[in-house]
């Protein structure tokens, strides 16, 4: 086996590895954005356990009303889900970039 054929084999292996990384990332991204899989959980919504200090009944009712109205505008778990999707998008772009770099190195070795 000559050096030239060894570099071509290594080039094809690197090209294949890069394409596999890109393909795996694209399949996982598709599954996450179509709802077939969950995005990696980096941000979690903290459970509301804090008790309100003693206050007037009107203030409690007002806070309760505002809380219900905000829940109607933004679902309770929407902000952490949005952040988790942003984190996954950043990771996916890093994986795709890395797969492209690995494939590019493999193409250079093939030539």
PDB file of N, CA and C in Angstrom:
ATOM      1  N   UNK A   1       0.853  -1.170   0.000  1.00  0.00           N
ATOM      2  CA  UNK A   1       0.000   0.000   0.000  1.00  0.00           C
ATOM      3  C   UNK A   1       0.900   1.234   0.000  1.00  0.00           C
ATOM      4  N   UNK A   2       0.640   2.088  -0.942  1.00  0.00           N
ATOM      5  CA  UNK A   2       1.450   3.298  -1.056  1.00  0.00           C
ATOM      6  C   UNK A   2       0.869   4.415  -0.205  1.00  0.00           C
ATOM      7  N   UNK A   3       1.671   5.440  -0.046  1.00  0.00           N
ATOM      8  CA  UNK A   3       1.243   6.611   0.730  1.00  0.00           C
ATOM      9  C   UNK A   3       0.047   7.276   0.057  1.00  0.00           C
ATOM     10  N   UNK A   4       0.060   7.312  -1.264  1.00  0.00           N
ATOM     11  CA  UNK A   4      -1.013   7.966  -2.005  1.00  0.00           C
ATOM     12  C   UNK A   4      -2.347   7.261  -1.778  1.00  0.00           C
ATOM     13  N   UNK A   5      -2.355   5.944  -1.804  1.00  0.00           N
ATOM     14  CA  UNK A   5      -3.611   5.224  -1.596  1.00  0.00           C
ATOM     15  C   UNK A   5      -4.060   5.323  -0.139  1.00  0.00           C
ATOM     16  N   UNK A   6      -3.122   5.381   0.800  1.00  0.00           N
ATOM     17  CA  UNK A   6      -3.475   5.538   2.213  1.00  0.00           C
ATOM     18  C   UNK A   6      -4.119   6.901   2.465  1.00  0.00           C
ATOM     19  N   UNK A   7      -3.592   7.944   1.831  1.00  0.00           N
ATOM     20  CA  UNK A   7      -4.196   9.264   2.023  1.00  0.00           C
ATOM     21  C   UNK A   7      -5.571   9.328   1.378  1.00  0.00           C
ATOM     22  N   UNK A   8      -5.762   8.621   0.248  1.00  0.00           N
ATOM     23  CA  UNK A   8      -7.087   8.602  -0.373  1.00  0.00           C
ATOM     24  C   UNK A   8      -8.094   7.874   0.510  1.00  0.00           C
ATOM     25  N   UNK A   9      -7.673   6.767   1.107  1.00  0.00           N
ATOM     26  CA  UNK A   9      -8.567   6.038   2.009  1.00  0.00           C
ATOM     27  C   UNK A   9      -8.914   6.910   3.208  1.00  0.00           C
ATOM     28  N   UNK A  10      -7.925   7.579   3.794  1.00  0.00           N
ATOM     29  CA  UNK A  10      -8.172   8.486   4.914  1.00  0.00           C
ATOM     30  C   UNK A  10      -9.087   9.632   4.483  1.00  0.00           C
ATOM     31  N   UNK A  11      -8.879  10.122   3.261  1.00  0.00           N
ATOM     32  CA  UNK A  11      -9.736  11.191   2.739  1.00  0.00           C
ATOM     33  C   UNK A  11     -11.181  10.743   2.618  1.00  0.00           C
ATOM     34  N   UNK A  12     -11.400   9.535   2.103  1.00  0.00           N
ATOM     35  CA  UNK A  12     -12.767   9.019   1.999  1.00  0.00           C
ATOM     36  C   UNK A  12     -13.389   8.783   3.371  1.00  0.00           C
ATOM     37  N   UNK A  13     -12.580   8.332   4.336  1.00  0.00           N
ATOM     38  CA  UNK A  13     -13.096   8.152   5.688  1.00  0.00           C
ATOM     39  C   UNK A  13     -13.500   9.489   6.313  1.00  0.00           C
ATOM     40  N   UNK A  14     -12.669  10.503   6.129  1.00  0.00           N
ATOM     41  CA  UNK A  14     -13.007  11.827   6.663  1.00  0.00           C
ATOM     42  C   UNK A  14     -14.223  12.419   5.959  1.00  0.00           C
ATOM     43  N   UNK A  15     -14.303  12.239   4.656  1.00  0.00           N
ATOM     44  CA  UNK A  15     -15.466  12.716   3.907  1.00  0.00           C
ATOM     45  C   UNK A  15     -16.733  12.034   4.410  1.00  0.00           C
ATOM     46  N   UNK A  16     -16.658  10.722   4.600  1.00  0.00           N
ATOM     47  CA  UNK A  16     -17.817   9.975   5.101  1.00  0.00           C
ATOM     48  C   UNK A  16     -18.199  10.418   6.505  1.00  0.00           C
ATOM     49  N   UNK A  17     -17.206  10.623   7.374  1.00  0.00           N
ATOM     50  CA  UNK A  17     -17.485  11.055   8.747  1.00  0.00           C
ATOM     51  C   UNK A  17     -18.165  12.423   8.757  1.00  0.00           C
ATOM     52  N   UNK A  18     -17.683  13.337   7.932  1.00  0.00           N
ATOM     53  CA  UNK A  18     -18.298  14.665   7.870  1.00  0.00           C
ATOM     54  C   UNK A  18     -19.730  14.615   7.373  1.00  0.00           C
ATOM     55  N   UNK A  19     -19.977  13.801   6.356  1.00  0.00           N
ATOM     56  CA  UNK A  19     -21.336  13.676   5.815  1.00  0.00           C
ATOM     57  C   UNK A  19     -22.255  13.020   6.848  1.00  0.00           C
ATOM     58  N   UNK A  20     -21.739  12.042   7.596  1.00  0.00           N
ATOM     59  CA  UNK A  20     -22.547  11.393   8.635  1.00  0.00           C
ATOM     60  C   UNK A  20     -22.898  12.381   9.745  1.00  0.00           C
ATOM     61  N   UNK A  21     -21.937  13.198  10.152  1.00  0.00           N
ATOM     62  CA  UNK A  21     -22.210  14.210  11.189  1.00  0.00           C
ATOM     63  C   UNK A  21     -23.273  15.192  10.713  1.00  0.00           C
ATOM     64  N   UNK A  22     -23.154  15.653   9.489  1.00  0.00           N
ATOM     65  CA  UNK A  22     -24.135  16.597   8.943  1.00  0.00           C
ATOM     66  C   UNK A  22     -25.503  15.937   8.829  1.00  0.00           C
ATOM     67  N   UNK A  23     -25.542  14.703   8.333  1.00  0.00           N
ATOM     68  CA  UNK A  23     -26.815  13.994   8.189  1.00  0.00           C
ATOM     69  C   UNK A  23     -27.488  13.737   9.522  1.00  0.00           C
ATOM     70  N   UNK A  24     -26.711  13.312  10.522  1.00  0.00           N
ATOM     71  CA  UNK A  24     -27.265  13.055  11.848  1.00  0.00           C
ATOM     72  C   UNK A  24     -27.856  14.333  12.447  1.00  0.00           C
ATOM     73  N   UNK A  25     -27.137  15.435  12.279  1.00  0.00           N
ATOM     74  CA  UNK A  25     -27.614  16.716  12.802  1.00  0.00           C
ATOM     75  C   UNK A  25     -28.898  17.154  12.104  1.00  0.00           C
ATOM     76  N   UNK A  26     -28.949  16.988  10.794  1.00  0.00           N
ATOM     77  CA  UNK A  26     -30.141  17.400  10.056  1.00  0.00           C
ATOM     78  C   UNK A  26     -31.355  16.534  10.434  1.00  0.00           C
ATOM     79  N   UNK A  27     -31.159  15.240  10.600  1.00  0.00           N
ATOM     80  CA  UNK A  27     -32.258  14.352  10.981  1.00  0.00           C
ATOM     81  C   UNK A  27     -32.763  14.707  12.374  1.00  0.00           C
ATOM     82  N   UNK A  28     -31.840  14.928  13.324  1.00  0.00           N
ATOM     83  CA  UNK A  28     -32.267  15.311  14.675  1.00  0.00           C
ATOM     84  C   UNK A  28     -32.966  16.667  14.685  1.00  0.00           C
ATOM     85  N   UNK A  29     -32.475  17.610  13.904  1.00  0.00           N
ATOM     86  CA  UNK A  29     -33.123  18.921  13.832  1.00  0.00           C
ATOM     87  C   UNK A  29     -34.529  18.790  13.269  1.00  0.00           C
ATOM     88  N   UNK A  30     -34.682  17.990  12.240  1.00  0.00           N
ATOM     89  CA  UNK A  30     -36.008  17.775  11.655  1.00  0.00           C
ATOM     90  C   UNK A  30     -36.955  17.169  12.689  1.00  0.00           C
ATOM     91  N   UNK A  31     -36.477  16.166  13.418  1.00  0.00           N
ATOM     92  CA  UNK A  31     -37.320  15.529  14.427  1.00  0.00           C
ATOM     93  C   UNK A  31     -37.683  16.474  15.559  1.00  0.00           C
ATOM     94  N   UNK A  32     -36.757  17.333  15.953  1.00  0.00           N
ATOM     95  CA  UNK A  32     -37.041  18.278  17.027  1.00  0.00           C
ATOM     96  C   UNK A  32     -38.052  19.327  16.574  1.00  0.00           C
ATOM     97  N   UNK A  33     -37.870  19.875  15.391  1.00  0.00           N
ATOM     98  CA  UNK A  33     -38.751  20.955  14.947  1.00  0.00           C
ATOM     99  C   UNK A  33     -40.103  20.463  14.453  1.00  0.00           C
ATOM    100  N   UNK A  34     -40.243  19.162  14.181  1.00  0.00           N
ATOM    101  CA  UNK A  34     -41.566  18.629  13.841  1.00  0.00           C
ATOM    102  C   UNK A  34     -42.262  18.049  15.058  1.00  0.00           C
ATOM    103  N   UNK A  35     -41.596  18.042  16.211  1.00  0.00           N
ATOM    104  CA  UNK A  35     -42.221  17.583  17.442  1.00  0.00           C
ATOM    105  C   UNK A  35     -42.089  16.091  17.684  1.00  0.00           C
ATOM    106  N   UNK A  36     -41.337  15.374  16.874  1.00  0.00           N
ATOM    107  CA  UNK A  36     -41.164  13.935  17.069  1.00  0.00           C
ATOM    108  C   UNK A  36     -40.179  13.640  18.189  1.00  0.00           C
ATOM    109  N   UNK A  37     -39.321  14.605  18.513  1.00  0.00           N
ATOM    110  CA  UNK A  37     -38.334  14.445  19.590  1.00  0.00           C
ATOM    111  C   UNK A  37     -38.266  15.751  20.380  1.00  0.00           C
ATOM    112  N   UNK A  38     -37.809  15.640  21.598  1.00  0.00           N
ATOM    113  CA  UNK A  38     -37.660  16.815  22.458  1.00  0.00           C
ATOM    114  C   UNK A  38     -36.297  17.456  22.226  1.00  0.00           C
ATOM    115  N   UNK A  39     -36.259  18.758  22.308  1.00  0.00           N
ATOM    116  CA  UNK A  39     -34.979  19.466  22.239  1.00  0.00           C
ATOM    117  C   UNK A  39     -34.202  19.180  23.521  1.00  0.00           C
ATOM    118  N   UNK A  40     -32.885  19.186  23.458  1.00  0.00           N
ATOM    119  CA  UNK A  40     -32.111  18.991  24.692  1.00  0.00           C
ATOM    120  C   UNK A  40     -32.501  20.047  25.722  1.00  0.00           C
ATOM    121  N   UNK A  41     -32.730  19.604  26.946  1.00  0.00           N
ATOM    122  CA  UNK A  41     -33.185  20.510  27.997  1.00  0.00           C
ATOM    123  C   UNK A  41     -31.997  21.154  28.681  1.00  0.00           C
ATOM    124  N   UNK A  42     -31.817  22.430  28.410  1.00  0.00           N
ATOM    125  CA  UNK A  42     -30.775  23.208  29.058  1.00  0.00           C
ATOM    126  C   UNK A  42     -31.426  24.145  30.071  1.00  0.00           C
ATOM    127  N   UNK A  43     -32.544  24.725  29.686  1.00  0.00           N
ATOM    128  CA  UNK A  43     -33.275  25.649  30.552  1.00  0.00           C
ATOM    129  C   UNK A  43     -34.549  24.971  31.025  1.00  0.00           C
ATOM    130  N   UNK A  44     -34.829  25.089  32.326  1.00  0.00           N
ATOM    131  CA  UNK A  44     -36.051  24.530  32.902  1.00  0.00           C
ATOM    132  C   UNK A  44     -36.819  25.645  33.590  1.00  0.00           C
ATOM    133  N   UNK A  45     -38.129  25.500  33.597  1.00  0.00           N
ATOM    134  CA  UNK A  45     -38.974  26.458  34.293  1.00  0.00           C
ATOM    135  C   UNK A  45     -39.033  26.056  35.759  1.00  0.00           C
ATOM    136  N   UNK A  46     -38.665  26.953  36.634  1.00  0.00           N
ATOM    137  CA  UNK A  46     -38.682  26.671  38.068  1.00  0.00           C
ATOM    138  C   UNK A  46     -40.118  26.603  38.551  1.00  0.00           C
ATOM    139  N   UNK A  47     -40.380  25.647  39.404  1.00  0.00           N
ATOM    140  CA  UNK A  47     -41.726  25.515  39.971  1.00  0.00           C
ATOM    141  C   UNK A  47     -41.980  26.682  40.915  1.00  0.00           C
ATOM    142  N   UNK A  48     -43.182  27.176  40.871  1.00  0.00           N
ATOM    143  CA  UNK A  48     -43.527  28.335  41.694  1.00  0.00           C
ATOM    144  C   UNK A  48     -43.860  27.868  43.100  1.00  0.00           C
ATOM    145  N   UNK A  49     -42.906  28.011  44.024  1.00  0.00           N
ATOM    146  CA  UNK A  49     -43.109  27.571  45.396  1.00  0.00           C
ATOM    147  C   UNK A  49     -43.094  28.723  46.391  1.00  0.00           C
ATOM    148  N   UNK A  50     -42.728  29.893  45.951  1.00  0.00           N
ATOM    149  CA  UNK A  50     -42.656  31.040  46.854  1.00  0.00           C
ATOM    150  C   UNK A  50     -44.061  31.450  47.276  1.00  0.00           C
ATOM    151  N   UNK A  51     -44.222  31.670  48.548  1.00  0.00           N
ATOM    152  CA  UNK A  51     -45.520  32.092  49.061  1.00  0.00           C
ATOM    153  C   UNK A  51     -45.527  33.607  49.176  1.00  0.00           C
ATOM    154  N   UNK A  52     -46.687  34.162  48.893  1.00  0.00           N
ATOM    155  CA  UNK A  52     -46.813  35.617  48.975  1.00  0.00           C
ATOM    156  C   UNK A  52     -46.880  36.033  50.441  1.00  0.00           C
ATOM    157  N   UNK A  53     -46.244  37.140  50.770  1.00  0.00           N
ATOM    158  CA  UNK A  53     -46.354  37.631  52.141  1.00  0.00           C
ATOM    159  C   UNK A  53     -47.775  38.140  52.392  1.00  0.00           C
ATOM    160  N   UNK A  54     -48.102  38.303  53.634  1.00  0.00           N
ATOM    161  CA  UNK A  54     -49.434  38.772  53.987  1.00  0.00           C
ATOM    162  C   UNK A  54     -49.693  40.130  53.334  1.00  0.00           C
ATOM    163  N   UNK A  55     -50.758  40.216  52.555  1.00  0.00           N
ATOM    164  CA  UNK A  55     -51.096  41.462  51.868  1.00  0.00           C
ATOM    165  C   UNK A  55     -52.603  41.601  51.862  1.00  0.00           C
ATOM    166  N   UNK A  56     -53.045  42.740  51.385  1.00  0.00           N
ATOM    167  CA  UNK A  56     -54.487  42.982  51.316  1.00  0.00           C
ATOM    168  C   UNK A  56     -55.129  42.013  50.347  1.00  0.00           C
ATOM    169  N   UNK A  57     -56.379  41.711  50.558  1.00  0.00           N
ATOM    170  CA  UNK A  57     -57.119  40.794  49.676  1.00  0.00           C
ATOM    171  C   UNK A  57     -57.236  41.351  48.267  1.00  0.00           C
ATOM    172  N   UNK A  58     -57.368  42.638  48.111  1.00  0.00           N
ATOM    173  CA  UNK A  58     -57.481  43.256  46.787  1.00  0.00           C
ATOM    174  C   UNK A  58     -56.170  43.079  46.011  1.00  0.00           C
ATOM    175  N   UNK A  59     -55.046  43.261  46.679  1.00  0.00           N
ATOM    176  CA  UNK A  59     -53.758  43.099  46.015  1.00  0.00           C
ATOM    177  C   UNK A  59     -53.569  41.649  45.575  1.00  0.00           C
ATOM    178  N   UNK A  60     -53.965  40.685  46.384  1.00  0.00           N
ATOM    179  CA  UNK A  60     -53.870  39.279  46.013  1.00  0.00           C
ATOM    180  C   UNK A  60     -54.729  38.975  44.789  1.00  0.00           C
ATOM    181  N   UNK A  61     -55.932  39.522  44.778  1.00  0.00           N
ATOM    182  CA  UNK A  61     -56.816  39.289  43.639  1.00  0.00           C
ATOM    183  C   UNK A  61     -56.253  39.929  42.379  1.00  0.00           C
ATOM    184  N   UNK A  62     -55.676  41.121  42.522  1.00  0.00           N
ATOM    185  CA  UNK A  62     -55.091  41.806  41.373  1.00  0.00           C
ATOM    186  C   UNK A  62     -53.900  41.016  40.821  1.00  0.00           C
ATOM    187  N   UNK A  63     -53.044  40.531  41.692  1.00  0.00           N
ATOM    188  CA  UNK A  63     -51.907  39.725  41.246  1.00  0.00           C
ATOM    189  C   UNK A  63     -52.366  38.435  40.584  1.00  0.00           C
ATOM    190  N   UNK A  64     -53.396  37.837  41.130  1.00  0.00           N
ATOM    191  CA  UNK A  64     -53.937  36.615  40.541  1.00  0.00           C
ATOM    192  C   UNK A  64     -54.507  36.891  39.154  1.00  0.00           C
ATOM    193  N   UNK A  65     -55.213  37.996  39.012  1.00  0.00           N
ATOM    194  CA  UNK A  65     -55.788  38.363  37.717  1.00  0.00           C
ATOM    195  C   UNK A  65     -54.698  38.640  36.687  1.00  0.00           C
ATOM    196  N   UNK A  66     -53.663  39.366  37.086  1.00  0.00           N
ATOM    197  CA  UNK A  66     -52.553  39.658  36.172  1.00  0.00           C
ATOM    198  C   UNK A  66     -51.843  38.364  35.780  1.00  0.00           C
ATOM    199  N   UNK A  67     -51.640  37.478  36.744  1.00  0.00           N
ATOM    200  CA  UNK A  67     -50.982  36.202  36.461  1.00  0.00           C
ATOM    201  C   UNK A  67     -51.787  35.383  35.460  1.00  0.00           C
ATOM    202  N   UNK A  68     -53.105  35.352  35.619  1.00  0.00           N
ATOM    203  CA  UNK A  68     -53.955  34.602  34.681  1.00  0.00           C
ATOM    204  C   UNK A  68     -53.909  35.220  33.290  1.00  0.00           C
ATOM    205  N   UNK A  69     -53.886  36.535  33.213  1.00  0.00           N
ATOM    206  CA  UNK A  69     -53.828  37.198  31.910  1.00  0.00           C
ATOM    207  C   UNK A  69     -52.497  36.929  31.210  1.00  0.00           C
ATOM    208  N   UNK A  70     -51.408  36.943  31.964  1.00  0.00           N
ATOM    209  CA  UNK A  70     -50.098  36.659  31.365  1.00  0.00           C
ATOM    210  C   UNK A  70     -50.013  35.216  30.890  1.00  0.00           C
ATOM    211  N   UNK A  71     -50.625  34.296  31.620  1.00  0.00           N
ATOM    212  CA  UNK A  71     -50.635  32.895  31.186  1.00  0.00           C
ATOM    213  C   UNK A  71     -51.407  32.734  29.882  1.00  0.00           C
ATOM    214  N   UNK A  72     -52.407  33.587  29.691  1.00  0.00           N
ATOM    215  CA  UNK A  72     -53.164  33.544  28.443  1.00  0.00           C
ATOM    216  C   UNK A  72     -52.342  34.045  27.268  1.00  0.00           C
ATOM    217  N   UNK A  73     -51.464  35.026  27.502  1.00  0.00           N
ATOM    218  CA  UNK A  73     -50.630  35.563  26.440  1.00  0.00           C
ATOM    219  C   UNK A  73     -49.446  34.652  26.134  1.00  0.00           C
ATOM    220  N   UNK A  74     -48.752  34.219  27.159  1.00  0.00           N
ATOM    221  CA  UNK A  74     -47.580  33.358  27.002  1.00  0.00           C
ATOM    222  C   UNK A  74     -47.820  32.064  27.768  1.00  0.00           C
ATOM    223  N   UNK A  75     -47.820  30.938  27.097  1.00  0.00           N
ATOM    224  CA  UNK A  75     -47.935  29.678  27.834  1.00  0.00           C
ATOM    225  C   UNK A  75     -46.785  29.546  28.825  1.00  0.00           C
ATOM    226  N   UNK A  76     -47.016  28.824  29.900  1.00  0.00           N
ATOM    227  CA  UNK A  76     -46.064  28.771  31.006  1.00  0.00           C
ATOM    228  C   UNK A  76     -44.688  28.274  30.597  1.00  0.00           C
ATOM    229  N   UNK A  77     -44.611  27.362  29.664  1.00  0.00           N
ATOM    230  CA  UNK A  77     -43.339  26.745  29.328  1.00  0.00           C
ATOM    231  C   UNK A  77     -42.748  27.264  28.018  1.00  0.00           C
ATOM    232  N   UNK A  78     -43.281  28.339  27.469  1.00  0.00           N
ATOM    233  CA  UNK A  78     -42.842  28.776  26.146  1.00  0.00           C
ATOM    234  C   UNK A  78     -41.458  29.410  26.145  1.00  0.00           C
ATOM    235  N   UNK A  79     -41.101  30.154  27.169  1.00  0.00           N
ATOM    236  CA  UNK A  79     -39.792  30.812  27.206  1.00  0.00           C
ATOM    237  C   UNK A  79     -38.655  29.786  27.326  1.00  0.00           C
ATOM    238  N   UNK A  80     -38.717  28.830  28.263  1.00  0.00           N
ATOM    239  CA  UNK A  80     -37.643  27.824  28.294  1.00  0.00           C
ATOM    240  C   UNK A  80     -37.584  26.990  27.010  1.00  0.00           C
ATOM    241  N   UNK A  81     -38.721  26.696  26.408  1.00  0.00           N
ATOM    242  CA  UNK A  81     -38.718  25.948  25.141  1.00  0.00           C
ATOM    243  C   UNK A  81     -38.025  26.753  24.047  1.00  0.00           C
ATOM    244  N   UNK A  82     -38.307  28.049  23.991  1.00  0.00           N
ATOM    245  CA  UNK A  82     -37.671  28.902  22.996  1.00  0.00           C
ATOM    246  C   UNK A  82     -36.155  28.928  23.202  1.00  0.00           C
ATOM    247  N   UNK A  83     -35.717  29.070  24.460  1.00  0.00           N
ATOM    248  CA  UNK A  83     -34.279  29.071  24.740  1.00  0.00           C
ATOM    249  C   UNK A  83     -33.642  27.724  24.391  1.00  0.00           C
ATOM    250  N   UNK A  84     -34.338  26.618  24.686  1.00  0.00           N
ATOM    251  CA  UNK A  84     -33.809  25.296  24.351  1.00  0.00           C
ATOM    252  C   UNK A  84     -33.686  25.123  22.840  1.00  0.00           C
ATOM    253  N   UNK A  85     -34.644  25.636  22.076  1.00  0.00           N
ATOM    254  CA  UNK A  85     -34.553  25.555  20.616  1.00  0.00           C
ATOM    255  C   UNK A  85     -33.418  26.425  20.081  1.00  0.00           C
ATOM    256  N   UNK A  86     -33.193  27.570  20.700  1.00  0.00           N
ATOM    257  CA  UNK A  86     -32.085  28.432  20.288  1.00  0.00           C
ATOM    258  C   UNK A  86     -30.753  27.738  20.567  1.00  0.00           C
ATOM    259  N   UNK A  87     -30.643  27.098  21.737  1.00  0.00           N
ATOM    260  CA  UNK A  87     -29.415  26.372  22.067  1.00  0.00           C
ATOM    261  C   UNK A  87     -29.202  25.224  21.085  1.00  0.00           C
ATOM    262  N   UNK A  88     -30.275  24.474  20.769  1.00  0.00           N
ATOM    263  CA  UNK A  88     -30.132  23.380  19.811  1.00  0.00           C
ATOM    264  C   UNK A  88     -29.725  23.909  18.438  1.00  0.00           C
ATOM    265  N   UNK A  89     -30.295  25.021  18.025  1.00  0.00           N
ATOM    266  CA  UNK A  89     -29.931  25.595  16.725  1.00  0.00           C
ATOM    267  C   UNK A  89     -28.458  25.981  16.688  1.00  0.00           C
ATOM    268  N   UNK A  90     -27.962  26.556  17.774  1.00  0.00           N
ATOM    269  CA  UNK A  90     -26.543  26.915  17.833  1.00  0.00           C
ATOM    270  C   UNK A  90     -25.665  25.663  17.781  1.00  0.00           C
ATOM    271  N   UNK A  91     -26.042  24.636  18.541  1.00  0.00           N
ATOM    272  CA  UNK A  91     -25.272  23.394  18.515  1.00  0.00           C
ATOM    273  C   UNK A  91     -25.325  22.731  17.144  1.00  0.00           C
ATOM    274  N   UNK A  92     -26.500  22.742  16.527  1.00  0.00           N
ATOM    275  CA  UNK A  92     -26.628  22.139  15.200  1.00  0.00           C
ATOM    276  C   UNK A  92     -25.770  22.872  14.184  1.00  0.00           C
ATOM    277  N   UNK A  93     -25.726  24.188  14.280  1.00  0.00           N
ATOM    278  CA  UNK A  93     -24.888  24.929  13.329  1.00  0.00           C
ATOM    279  C   UNK A  93     -23.406  24.635  13.559  1.00  0.00           C
ATOM    280  N   UNK A  94     -23.003  24.443  14.816  1.00  0.00           N
ATOM    281  CA  UNK A  94     -21.616  24.072  15.101  1.00  0.00           C
ATOM    282  C   UNK A  94     -21.320  22.683  14.535  1.00  0.00           C
ATOM    283  N   UNK A  95     -22.242  21.732  14.730  1.00  0.00           N
ATOM    284  CA  UNK A  95     -22.049  20.381  14.188  1.00  0.00           C
ATOM    285  C   UNK A  95     -21.959  20.405  12.669  1.00  0.00           C
ATOM    286  N   UNK A  96     -22.840  21.163  12.037  1.00  0.00           N
ATOM    287  CA  UNK A  96     -22.828  21.224  10.572  1.00  0.00           C
ATOM    288  C   UNK A  96     -21.537  21.879  10.076  1.00  0.00           C
ATOM    289  N   UNK A  97     -21.114  22.944  10.735  1.00  0.00           N
ATOM    290  CA  UNK A  97     -19.857  23.590  10.353  1.00  0.00           C
ATOM    291  C   UNK A  97     -18.686  22.626  10.528  1.00  0.00           C
ATOM    292  N   UNK A  98     -18.651  21.925  11.658  1.00  0.00           N
ATOM    293  CA  UNK A  98     -17.576  20.963  11.908  1.00  0.00           C
ATOM    294  C   UNK A  98     -17.593  19.820  10.905  1.00  0.00           C
ATOM    295  N   UNK A  99     -18.790  19.316  10.581  1.00  0.00           N
ATOM    296  CA  UNK A  99     -18.892  18.267   9.573  1.00  0.00           C
ATOM    297  C   UNK A  99     -18.421  18.738   8.219  1.00  0.00           C
ATOM    298  N   UNK A 100     -18.721  19.978   7.897  1.00  0.00           N
ATOM    299  CA  UNK A 100     -18.247  20.552   6.637  1.00  0.00           C
ATOM    300  C   UNK A 100     -16.739  20.685   6.597  1.00  0.00           C
ATOM    301  N   UNK A 101     -16.147  21.078   7.721  1.00  0.00           N
ATOM    302  CA  UNK A 101     -14.689  21.202   7.786  1.00  0.00           C
ATOM    303  C   UNK A 101     -14.017  19.833   7.661  1.00  0.00           C
ATOM    304  N   UNK A 102     -14.595  18.836   8.331  1.00  0.00           N
ATOM    305  CA  UNK A 102     -14.042  17.477   8.243  1.00  0.00           C
ATOM    306  C   UNK A 102     -14.162  16.949   6.821  1.00  0.00           C
ATOM    307  N   UNK A 103     -15.321  17.173   6.189  1.00  0.00           N
ATOM    308  CA  UNK A 103     -15.496  16.726   4.813  1.00  0.00           C
ATOM    309  C   UNK A 103     -14.546  17.463   3.873  1.00  0.00           C
ATOM    310  N   UNK A 104     -14.347  18.747   4.093  1.00  0.00           N
ATOM    311  CA  UNK A 104     -13.419  19.518   3.260  1.00  0.00           C
ATOM    312  C   UNK A 104     -11.998  18.996   3.366  1.00  0.00           C
ATOM    313  N   UNK A 105     -11.607  18.627   4.573  1.00  0.00           N
ATOM    314  CA  UNK A 105     -10.282  18.046   4.760  1.00  0.00           C
ATOM    315  C   UNK A 105     -10.180  16.705   4.015  1.00  0.00           C
ATOM    316  N   UNK A 106     -11.255  15.915   4.071  1.00  0.00           N
ATOM    317  CA  UNK A 106     -11.260  14.656   3.359  1.00  0.00           C
ATOM    318  C   UNK A 106     -11.161  14.855   1.853  1.00  0.00           C
ATOM    319  N   UNK A 107     -11.852  15.857   1.333  1.00  0.00           N
ATOM    320  CA  UNK A 107     -11.791  16.140  -0.119  1.00  0.00           C
ATOM    321  C   UNK A 107     -10.382  16.567  -0.510  1.00  0.00           C
ATOM    322  N   UNK A 108      -9.738  17.374   0.325  1.00  0.00           N
ATOM    323  CA  UNK A 108      -8.362  17.781   0.014  1.00  0.00           C
ATOM    324  C   UNK A 108      -7.410  16.586  -0.015  1.00  0.00           C
ATOM    325  N   UNK A 109      -7.640  15.635   0.892  1.00  0.00           N
ATOM    326  CA  UNK A 109      -6.782  14.448   0.899  1.00  0.00           C
ATOM    327  C   UNK A 109      -7.040  13.544  -0.308  1.00  0.00           C
ATOM    328  N   UNK A 110      -8.269  13.523  -0.800  1.00  0.00           N
ATOM    329  CA  UNK A 110      -8.591  12.698  -1.969  1.00  0.00           C
ATOM    330  C   UNK A 110      -7.906  13.258  -3.205  1.00  0.00           C
ATOM    331  N   UNK A 111      -7.862  14.579  -3.312  1.00  0.00           N
ATOM    332  CA  UNK A 111      -7.241  15.216  -4.485  1.00  0.00           C
ATOM    333  C   UNK A 111      -5.784  15.011  -4.411  1.00  0.00           C
TER     334      UNK A 111
END
